[in-house]
Full PDB file with SEQRES, HELIX, SHEET, SSBOND, CRYST1, ORIGX, SCALE, CONECT and MASTER records, all heavy atoms in Angstrom:
SEQRES   1 A   34  THR ASN LEU ILE LEU SER GLY GLN CYS GLY ILE ASP ASN          
SEQRES   2 A   34  LEU LEU ASP LYS PHE SER ARG CYS PHE TRP VAL LYS HIS          
SEQRES   3 A   34  VAL MET GLY MET HIS THR CYS ASN                              
HELIX    1 AA1 ILE A   11  ASP A   16  1                                   6    
HELIX    2 AA2 MET A   30  THR A   32  5                                   3    
CRYST1    1.000    1.000    1.000  90.00  90.00  90.00 P 1           1          
ORIGX1      1.000000  0.000000  0.000000        0.00000                         
ORIGX2      0.000000  1.000000  0.000000        0.00000                         
ORIGX3      0.000000  0.000000  1.000000        0.00000                         
SCALE1      1.000000  0.000000  0.000000        0.00000                         
SCALE2      0.000000  1.000000  0.000000        0.00000                         
SCALE3      0.000000  0.000000  1.000000        0.00000                         
ATOM      1  N   THR A   1      32.182 138.969 121.494  1.00  0.00           N  
ATOM      2  CA  THR A   1      32.746 137.629 121.325  1.00  0.00           C  
ATOM      3  C   THR A   1      32.665 137.260 119.848  1.00  0.00           C  
ATOM      4  O   THR A   1      31.693 137.502 119.155  1.00  0.00           O  
ATOM      5  CB  THR A   1      31.935 136.575 122.109  1.00  0.00           C  
ATOM      6  OG1 THR A   1      30.597 136.606 121.713  1.00  0.00           O  
ATOM      7  CG2 THR A   1      32.014 136.887 123.585  1.00  0.00           C  
ATOM      8  N   ASN A   2      33.744 136.693 119.380  1.00  0.00           N  
ATOM      9  CA  ASN A   2      33.839 136.220 118.004  1.00  0.00           C  
ATOM     10  C   ASN A   2      33.515 137.310 116.991  1.00  0.00           C  
ATOM     11  O   ASN A   2      32.786 137.094 116.008  1.00  0.00           O  
ATOM     12  CB  ASN A   2      32.913 135.007 117.780  1.00  0.00           C  
ATOM     13  CG  ASN A   2      33.295 133.876 118.695  1.00  0.00           C  
ATOM     14  OD1 ASN A   2      34.453 133.697 119.059  1.00  0.00           O  
ATOM     15  ND2 ASN A   2      32.316 133.117 119.142  1.00  0.00           N  
ATOM     16  N   LEU A   3      34.069 138.512 117.178  1.00  0.00           N  
ATOM     17  CA  LEU A   3      33.887 139.629 116.199  1.00  0.00           C  
ATOM     18  C   LEU A   3      34.932 139.420 115.119  1.00  0.00           C  
ATOM     19  O   LEU A   3      36.104 139.291 115.354  1.00  0.00           O  
ATOM     20  CB  LEU A   3      34.139 140.944 116.934  1.00  0.00           C  
ATOM     21  CG  LEU A   3      34.145 142.183 116.007  1.00  0.00           C  
ATOM     22  CD1 LEU A   3      32.751 142.382 115.394  1.00  0.00           C  
ATOM     23  CD2 LEU A   3      34.584 143.410 116.792  1.00  0.00           C  
ATOM     24  N   ILE A   4      34.444 139.404 113.877  1.00  0.00           N  
ATOM     25  CA  ILE A   4      35.316 139.199 112.732  1.00  0.00           C  
ATOM     26  C   ILE A   4      35.018 140.231 111.665  1.00  0.00           C  
ATOM     27  O   ILE A   4      33.852 140.345 111.223  1.00  0.00           O  
ATOM     28  CB  ILE A   4      35.142 137.785 112.131  1.00  0.00           C  
ATOM     29  CG1 ILE A   4      35.478 136.731 113.199  1.00  0.00           C  
ATOM     30  CG2 ILE A   4      36.027 137.618 110.892  1.00  0.00           C  
ATOM     31  CD1 ILE A   4      35.152 135.327 112.755  1.00  0.00           C  
ATOM     32  N   LEU A   5      36.028 141.030 111.271  1.00  0.00           N  
ATOM     33  CA  LEU A   5      35.883 141.969 110.148  1.00  0.00           C  
ATOM     34  C   LEU A   5      36.535 141.342 108.928  1.00  0.00           C  
ATOM     35  O   LEU A   5      37.636 140.792 109.031  1.00  0.00           O  
ATOM     36  CB  LEU A   5      36.600 143.293 110.461  1.00  0.00           C  
ATOM     37  CG  LEU A   5      36.017 144.123 111.562  1.00  0.00           C  
ATOM     38  CD1 LEU A   5      36.868 145.378 111.793  1.00  0.00           C  
ATOM     39  CD2 LEU A   5      34.571 144.548 111.286  1.00  0.00           C  
ATOM     40  N   SER A   6      35.875 141.407 107.786  1.00  0.00           N  
ATOM     41  CA  SER A   6      36.462 140.855 106.577  1.00  0.00           C  
ATOM     42  C   SER A   6      36.839 141.984 105.625  1.00  0.00           C  
ATOM     43  O   SER A   6      36.139 142.961 105.526  1.00  0.00           O  
ATOM     44  CB  SER A   6      35.504 139.902 105.889  1.00  0.00           C  
ATOM     45  OG  SER A   6      34.313 140.545 105.521  1.00  0.00           O  
ATOM     46  N   GLY A   7      37.971 141.865 104.967  1.00  0.00           N  
ATOM     47  CA  GLY A   7      38.472 142.915 104.140  1.00  0.00           C  
ATOM     48  C   GLY A   7      38.401 142.648 102.651  1.00  0.00           C  
ATOM     49  O   GLY A   7      38.027 141.520 102.239  1.00  0.00           O  
ATOM     50  N   GLN A   8      38.760 143.692 101.876  1.00  0.00           N  
ATOM     51  CA  GLN A   8      38.682 143.594 100.423  1.00  0.00           C  
ATOM     52  C   GLN A   8      40.021 143.627  99.718  1.00  0.00           C  
ATOM     53  O   GLN A   8      40.160 143.222  98.602  1.00  0.00           O  
ATOM     54  CB  GLN A   8      37.813 144.744  99.854  1.00  0.00           C  
ATOM     55  CG  GLN A   8      36.526 144.987 100.506  1.00  0.00           C  
ATOM     56  CD  GLN A   8      36.577 146.173 101.468  1.00  0.00           C  
ATOM     57  OE1 GLN A   8      37.611 146.519 102.008  1.00  0.00           O  
ATOM     58  NE2 GLN A   8      35.438 146.798 101.669  1.00  0.00           N  
ATOM     59  N   CYS A   9      41.066 144.209 100.403  1.00  0.00           N  
ATOM     60  CA  CYS A   9      42.339 144.372  99.722  1.00  0.00           C  
ATOM     61  C   CYS A   9      43.504 144.247 100.685  1.00  0.00           C  
ATOM     62  O   CYS A   9      43.325 144.278 101.916  1.00  0.00           O  
ATOM     63  CB  CYS A   9      42.385 145.724  99.022  1.00  0.00           C  
ATOM     64  SG  CYS A   9      42.165 147.131 100.118  1.00  0.00           S  
ATOM     65  N   GLY A  10      44.708 144.061 100.160  1.00  0.00           N  
ATOM     66  CA  GLY A  10      45.909 143.943 100.972  1.00  0.00           C  
ATOM     67  C   GLY A  10      46.324 145.268 101.570  1.00  0.00           C  
ATOM     68  O   GLY A  10      45.843 146.331 101.167  1.00  0.00           O  
ATOM     69  N   ILE A  11      47.251 145.204 102.516  1.00  0.00           N  
ATOM     70  CA  ILE A  11      47.700 146.412 103.194  1.00  0.00           C  
ATOM     71  C   ILE A  11      48.379 147.392 102.235  1.00  0.00           C  
ATOM     72  O   ILE A  11      48.236 148.586 102.359  1.00  0.00           O  
ATOM     73  CB  ILE A  11      48.652 146.054 104.383  1.00  0.00           C  
ATOM     74  CG1 ILE A  11      49.035 147.299 105.177  1.00  0.00           C  
ATOM     75  CG2 ILE A  11      49.925 145.369 103.881  1.00  0.00           C  
ATOM     76  CD1 ILE A  11      47.915 147.889 105.929  1.00  0.00           C  
ATOM     77  N   ASP A  12      49.063 146.885 101.188  1.00  0.00           N  
ATOM     78  CA  ASP A  12      49.688 147.771 100.230  1.00  0.00           C  
ATOM     79  C   ASP A  12      48.648 148.616  99.511  1.00  0.00           C  
ATOM     80  O   ASP A  12      48.859 149.827  99.260  1.00  0.00           O  
ATOM     81  CB  ASP A  12      50.532 146.987  99.196  1.00  0.00           C  
ATOM     82  CG  ASP A  12      51.729 146.346  99.828  1.00  0.00           C  
ATOM     83  OD1 ASP A  12      52.193 146.870 100.910  1.00  0.00           O  
ATOM     84  OD2 ASP A  12      52.208 145.315  99.342  1.00  0.00           O  
ATOM     85  N   ASN A  13      47.526 148.020  99.146  1.00  0.00           N  
ATOM     86  CA  ASN A  13      46.471 148.766  98.474  1.00  0.00           C  
ATOM     87  C   ASN A  13      45.838 149.808  99.407  1.00  0.00           C  
ATOM     88  O   ASN A  13      45.467 150.902  98.941  1.00  0.00           O  
ATOM     89  CB  ASN A  13      45.386 147.823  97.946  1.00  0.00           C  
ATOM     90  CG  ASN A  13      45.843 146.964  96.838  1.00  0.00           C  
ATOM     91  OD1 ASN A  13      47.030 147.051  96.458  1.00  0.00           O  
ATOM     92  ND2 ASN A  13      45.022 146.111  96.321  1.00  0.00           N  
ATOM     93  N   LEU A  14      45.735 149.513 100.697  1.00  0.00           N  
ATOM     94  CA  LEU A  14      45.206 150.467 101.642  1.00  0.00           C  
ATOM     95  C   LEU A  14      46.130 151.670 101.757  1.00  0.00           C  
ATOM     96  O   LEU A  14      45.673 152.822 101.754  1.00  0.00           O  
ATOM     97  CB  LEU A  14      45.019 149.841 103.032  1.00  0.00           C  
ATOM     98  CG  LEU A  14      43.870 148.867 103.214  1.00  0.00           C  
ATOM     99  CD1 LEU A  14      43.882 148.324 104.634  1.00  0.00           C  
ATOM    100  CD2 LEU A  14      42.542 149.531 102.883  1.00  0.00           C  
ATOM    101  N   LEU A  15      47.434 151.409 101.847  1.00  0.00           N  
ATOM    102  CA  LEU A  15      48.381 152.514 101.974  1.00  0.00           C  
ATOM    103  C   LEU A  15      48.458 153.369 100.715  1.00  0.00           C  
ATOM    104  O   LEU A  15      48.714 154.553 100.771  1.00  0.00           O  
ATOM    105  CB  LEU A  15      49.795 151.960 102.324  1.00  0.00           C  
ATOM    106  CG  LEU A  15      49.925 151.293 103.672  1.00  0.00           C  
ATOM    107  CD1 LEU A  15      51.310 150.659 103.828  1.00  0.00           C  
ATOM    108  CD2 LEU A  15      49.596 152.260 104.807  1.00  0.00           C  
ATOM    109  N   ASP A  16      48.200 152.756  99.548  1.00  0.00           N  
ATOM    110  CA  ASP A  16      48.201 153.508  98.273  1.00  0.00           C  
ATOM    111  C   ASP A  16      47.049 154.470  98.135  1.00  0.00           C  
ATOM    112  O   ASP A  16      47.058 155.328  97.272  1.00  0.00           O  
ATOM    113  CB  ASP A  16      48.220 152.530  97.109  1.00  0.00           C  
ATOM    114  CG  ASP A  16      49.579 151.854  96.907  1.00  0.00           C  
ATOM    115  OD1 ASP A  16      50.585 152.410  97.449  1.00  0.00           O  
ATOM    116  OD2 ASP A  16      49.606 150.799  96.267  1.00  0.00           O  
ATOM    117  N   LYS A  17      46.016 154.336  98.975  1.00  0.00           N  
ATOM    118  CA  LYS A  17      44.856 155.244  98.922  1.00  0.00           C  
ATOM    119  C   LYS A  17      45.207 156.677  99.309  1.00  0.00           C  
ATOM    120  O   LYS A  17      44.469 157.602  98.961  1.00  0.00           O  
ATOM    121  CB  LYS A  17      43.728 154.744  99.802  1.00  0.00           C  
ATOM    122  CG  LYS A  17      43.036 153.466  99.374  1.00  0.00           C  
ATOM    123  CD  LYS A  17      41.920 153.106 100.323  1.00  0.00           C  
ATOM    124  CE  LYS A  17      41.239 151.838  99.874  1.00  0.00           C  
ATOM    125  NZ  LYS A  17      40.308 152.059  98.762  1.00  0.00           N  
ATOM    126  N   PHE A  18      46.319 156.835 100.018  1.00  0.00           N  
ATOM    127  CA  PHE A  18      46.692 158.165 100.540  1.00  0.00           C  
ATOM    128  C   PHE A  18      48.064 158.551 100.031  1.00  0.00           C  
ATOM    129  O   PHE A  18      48.951 157.741  99.964  1.00  0.00           O  
ATOM    130  CB  PHE A  18      46.708 158.149 102.061  1.00  0.00           C  
ATOM    131  CG  PHE A  18      45.425 157.643 102.656  1.00  0.00           C  
ATOM    132  CD1 PHE A  18      45.328 156.302 103.075  1.00  0.00           C  
ATOM    133  CD2 PHE A  18      44.344 158.481 102.837  1.00  0.00           C  
ATOM    134  CE1 PHE A  18      44.140 155.835 103.660  1.00  0.00           C  
ATOM    135  CE2 PHE A  18      43.168 157.991 103.371  1.00  0.00           C  
ATOM    136  CZ  PHE A  18      43.055 156.697 103.796  1.00  0.00           C  
ATOM    137  N   SER A  19      48.275 159.845  99.716  1.00  0.00           N  
ATOM    138  CA  SER A  19      49.580 160.314  99.329  1.00  0.00           C  
ATOM    139  C   SER A  19      50.523 160.363 100.522  1.00  0.00           C  
ATOM    140  O   SER A  19      51.700 160.093 100.425  1.00  0.00           O  
ATOM    141  CB  SER A  19      49.547 161.662  98.633  1.00  0.00           C  
ATOM    142  OG  SER A  19      48.943 162.629  99.503  1.00  0.00           O  
ATOM    143  N   ARG A  20      49.967 160.769 101.691  1.00  0.00           N  
ATOM    144  CA  ARG A  20      50.715 160.757 102.949  1.00  0.00           C  
ATOM    145  C   ARG A  20      49.783 160.225 104.021  1.00  0.00           C  
ATOM    146  O   ARG A  20      48.601 160.580 104.062  1.00  0.00           O  
ATOM    147  CB  ARG A  20      51.157 162.157 103.345  1.00  0.00           C  
ATOM    148  CG  ARG A  20      52.138 162.777 102.401  1.00  0.00           C  
ATOM    149  CD  ARG A  20      52.563 164.144 102.832  1.00  0.00           C  
ATOM    150  NE  ARG A  20      51.409 164.967 103.162  1.00  0.00           N  
ATOM    151  CZ  ARG A  20      51.391 165.932 104.082  1.00  0.00           C  
ATOM    152  NH1 ARG A  20      52.501 166.189 104.787  1.00  0.00           N  
ATOM    153  NH2 ARG A  20      50.329 166.615 104.294  1.00  0.00           N  
ATOM    154  N   CYS A  21      50.290 159.359 104.924  1.00  0.00           N  
ATOM    155  CA  CYS A  21      49.438 158.857 106.001  1.00  0.00           C  
ATOM    156  C   CYS A  21      50.277 158.364 107.153  1.00  0.00           C  
ATOM    157  O   CYS A  21      51.486 158.152 107.023  1.00  0.00           O  
ATOM    158  CB  CYS A  21      48.491 157.762 105.492  1.00  0.00           C  
ATOM    159  SG  CYS A  21      49.302 156.227 105.029  1.00  0.00           S  
ATOM    160  N   PHE A  22      49.629 158.169 108.279  1.00  0.00           N  
ATOM    161  CA  PHE A  22      50.232 157.600 109.468  1.00  0.00           C  
ATOM    162  C   PHE A  22      49.679 156.186 109.639  1.00  0.00           C  
ATOM    163  O   PHE A  22      48.454 156.002 109.754  1.00  0.00           O  
ATOM    164  CB  PHE A  22      49.917 158.467 110.694  1.00  0.00           C  
ATOM    165  CG  PHE A  22      50.457 157.906 111.990  1.00  0.00           C  
ATOM    166  CD1 PHE A  22      51.774 157.523 112.145  1.00  0.00           C  
ATOM    167  CD2 PHE A  22      49.625 157.744 113.068  1.00  0.00           C  
ATOM    168  CE1 PHE A  22      52.245 157.042 113.301  1.00  0.00           C  
ATOM    169  CE2 PHE A  22      50.089 157.218 114.259  1.00  0.00           C  
ATOM    170  CZ  PHE A  22      51.423 156.872 114.379  1.00  0.00           C  
ATOM    171  N   TRP A  23      50.534 155.174 109.591  1.00  0.00           N  
ATOM    172  CA  TRP A  23      50.146 153.776 109.739  1.00  0.00           C  
ATOM    173  C   TRP A  23      50.285 153.438 111.225  1.00  0.00           C  
ATOM    174  O   TRP A  23      51.388 153.264 111.733  1.00  0.00           O  
ATOM    175  CB  TRP A  23      51.037 152.936 108.858  1.00  0.00           C  
ATOM    176  CG  TRP A  23      50.761 151.462 108.846  1.00  0.00           C  
ATOM    177  CD1 TRP A  23      49.692 150.815 109.405  1.00  0.00           C  
ATOM    178  CD2 TRP A  23      51.573 150.456 108.254  1.00  0.00           C  
ATOM    179  NE1 TRP A  23      49.776 149.480 109.186  1.00  0.00           N  
ATOM    180  CE2 TRP A  23      50.929 149.199 108.489  1.00  0.00           C  
ATOM    181  CE3 TRP A  23      52.764 150.469 107.557  1.00  0.00           C  
ATOM    182  CZ2 TRP A  23      51.449 148.022 108.058  1.00  0.00           C  
ATOM    183  CZ3 TRP A  23      53.249 149.276 107.102  1.00  0.00           C  
ATOM    184  CH2 TRP A  23      52.596 148.051 107.347  1.00  0.00           C  
ATOM    185  N   VAL A  24      49.168 153.345 111.900  1.00  0.00           N  
ATOM    186  CA  VAL A  24      49.176 153.088 113.337  1.00  0.00           C  
ATOM    187  C   VAL A  24      49.469 151.605 113.595  1.00  0.00           C  
ATOM    188  O   VAL A  24      48.798 150.747 113.080  1.00  0.00           O  
ATOM    189  CB  VAL A  24      47.796 153.473 113.978  1.00  0.00           C  
ATOM    190  CG1 VAL A  24      47.821 153.168 115.467  1.00  0.00           C  
ATOM    191  CG2 VAL A  24      47.472 154.904 113.666  1.00  0.00           C  
ATOM    192  N   LYS A  25      50.473 151.390 114.433  1.00  0.00           N  
ATOM    193  CA  LYS A  25      50.849 150.014 114.796  1.00  0.00           C  
ATOM    194  C   LYS A  25      50.488 149.706 116.249  1.00  0.00           C  
ATOM    195  O   LYS A  25      50.196 148.599 116.597  1.00  0.00           O  
ATOM    196  CB  LYS A  25      52.342 149.763 114.568  1.00  0.00           C  
ATOM    197  CG  LYS A  25      52.794 149.920 113.131  1.00  0.00           C  
ATOM    198  CD  LYS A  25      52.173 148.930 112.196  1.00  0.00           C  
ATOM    199  CE  LYS A  25      52.830 147.625 112.328  1.00  0.00           C  
ATOM    200  NZ  LYS A  25      52.335 146.588 111.440  1.00  0.00           N  
ATOM    201  N   HIS A  26      50.571 150.713 117.131  1.00  0.00           N  
ATOM    202  CA  HIS A  26      50.240 150.523 118.562  1.00  0.00           C  
ATOM    203  C   HIS A  26      49.509 151.756 119.061  1.00  0.00           C  
ATOM    204  O   HIS A  26      49.802 152.876 118.692  1.00  0.00           O  
ATOM    205  CB  HIS A  26      51.531 150.337 119.384  1.00  0.00           C  
ATOM    206  CG  HIS A  26      52.389 149.235 118.904  1.00  0.00           C  
ATOM    207  ND1 HIS A  26      52.096 147.918 119.240  1.00  0.00           N  
ATOM    208  CD2 HIS A  26      53.512 149.205 118.195  1.00  0.00           C  
ATOM    209  CE1 HIS A  26      53.008 147.120 118.699  1.00  0.00           C  
ATOM    210  NE2 HIS A  26      53.868 147.884 118.042  1.00  0.00           N  
ATOM    211  N   VAL A  27      48.519 151.486 119.956  1.00  0.00           N  
ATOM    212  CA  VAL A  27      47.784 152.541 120.621  1.00  0.00           C  
ATOM    213  C   VAL A  27      47.843 152.316 122.100  1.00  0.00           C  
ATOM    214  O   VAL A  27      47.714 151.191 122.582  1.00  0.00           O  
ATOM    215  CB  VAL A  27      46.291 152.540 120.137  1.00  0.00           C  
ATOM    216  CG1 VAL A  27      45.489 153.588 120.858  1.00  0.00           C  
ATOM    217  CG2 VAL A  27      46.224 152.772 118.658  1.00  0.00           C  
ATOM    218  N   MET A  28      48.066 153.370 122.842  1.00  0.00           N  
ATOM    219  CA  MET A  28      48.157 153.307 124.305  1.00  0.00           C  
ATOM    220  C   MET A  28      47.027 154.137 124.936  1.00  0.00           C  
ATOM    221  O   MET A  28      46.851 155.280 124.592  1.00  0.00           O  
ATOM    222  CB  MET A  28      49.500 153.844 124.828  1.00  0.00           C  
ATOM    223  CG  MET A  28      50.660 152.931 124.526  1.00  0.00           C  
ATOM    224  SD  MET A  28      51.827 153.216 123.187  1.00  0.00           S  
ATOM    225  CE  MET A  28      51.679 154.812 122.611  1.00  0.00           C  
ATOM    226  N   GLY A  29      46.280 153.552 125.857  1.00  0.00           N  
ATOM    227  CA  GLY A  29      45.261 154.280 126.588  1.00  0.00           C  
ATOM    228  C   GLY A  29      43.870 154.261 125.958  1.00  0.00           C  
ATOM    229  O   GLY A  29      43.060 155.108 126.284  1.00  0.00           O  
ATOM    230  N   MET A  30      43.576 153.301 125.112  1.00  0.00           N  
ATOM    231  CA  MET A  30      42.278 153.266 124.476  1.00  0.00           C  
ATOM    232  C   MET A  30      41.144 153.081 125.466  1.00  0.00           C  
ATOM    233  O   MET A  30      39.997 153.489 125.199  1.00  0.00           O  
ATOM    234  CB  MET A  30      42.210 152.164 123.408  1.00  0.00           C  
ATOM    235  CG  MET A  30      41.152 152.332 122.367  1.00  0.00           C  
ATOM    236  SD  MET A  30      41.464 153.843 121.432  1.00  0.00           S  
ATOM    237  CE  MET A  30      39.884 154.593 121.522  1.00  0.00           C  
ATOM    238  N   HIS A  31      41.420 152.564 126.609  1.00  0.00           N  
ATOM    239  CA  HIS A  31      40.378 152.391 127.649  1.00  0.00           C  
ATOM    240  C   HIS A  31      39.909 153.723 128.175  1.00  0.00           C  
ATOM    241  O   HIS A  31      38.912 153.762 128.903  1.00  0.00           O  
ATOM    242  CB  HIS A  31      40.953 151.538 128.806  1.00  0.00           C  
ATOM    243  CG  HIS A  31      42.112 152.162 129.505  1.00  0.00           C  
ATOM    244  ND1 HIS A  31      43.375 152.144 128.997  1.00  0.00           N  
ATOM    245  CD2 HIS A  31      42.166 152.853 130.671  1.00  0.00           C  
ATOM    246  CE1 HIS A  31      44.157 152.821 129.810  1.00  0.00           C  
ATOM    247  NE2 HIS A  31      43.460 153.234 130.838  1.00  0.00           N  
ATOM    248  N   THR A  32      40.584 154.831 127.839  1.00  0.00           N  
ATOM    249  CA  THR A  32      40.165 156.161 128.344  1.00  0.00           C  
ATOM    250  C   THR A  32      39.138 156.813 127.433  1.00  0.00           C  
ATOM    251  O   THR A  32      38.802 157.961 127.670  1.00  0.00           O  
ATOM    252  CB  THR A  32      41.395 157.083 128.476  1.00  0.00           C  
ATOM    253  OG1 THR A  32      41.998 157.259 127.194  1.00  0.00           O  
ATOM    254  CG2 THR A  32      42.405 156.499 129.473  1.00  0.00           C  
ATOM    255  N   CYS A  33      38.634 156.114 126.418  1.00  0.00           N  
ATOM    256  CA  CYS A  33      37.636 156.707 125.527  1.00  0.00           C  
ATOM    257  C   CYS A  33      36.385 157.070 126.335  1.00  0.00           C  
ATOM    258  O   CYS A  33      35.959 156.332 127.210  1.00  0.00           O  
ATOM    259  CB  CYS A  33      37.279 155.658 124.473  1.00  0.00           C  
ATOM    260  SG  CYS A  33      35.973 156.180 123.338  1.00  0.00           S  
ATOM    261  N   ASN A  34      35.794 158.212 126.009  1.00  0.00           N  
ATOM    262  CA  ASN A  34      34.587 158.669 126.680  1.00  0.00           C  
ATOM    263  C   ASN A  34      33.425 157.795 126.212  1.00  0.00           C  
ATOM    264  O   ASN A  34      33.025 157.815 125.044  1.00  0.00           O  
ATOM    265  CB  ASN A  34      34.315 160.142 126.368  1.00  0.00           C  
ATOM    266  CG  ASN A  34      33.156 160.694 127.105  1.00  0.00           C  
ATOM    267  OD1 ASN A  34      32.101 160.043 127.271  1.00  0.00           O  
ATOM    268  ND2 ASN A  34      33.301 161.916 127.564  1.00  0.00           N  
TER     269      ASN A  34                                                      
MASTER        0    0    0    2    0    0    0    6  268    1    0    3          
END                                                                             
């Protein structure tokens, strides 16, 4: 309840950390985690 993560930089800066990456927008089936 009331879980809040605080960040340090914008999304553009996060994407610049990698030369190639997959930007996940949707995940299906996370309830199946062991």
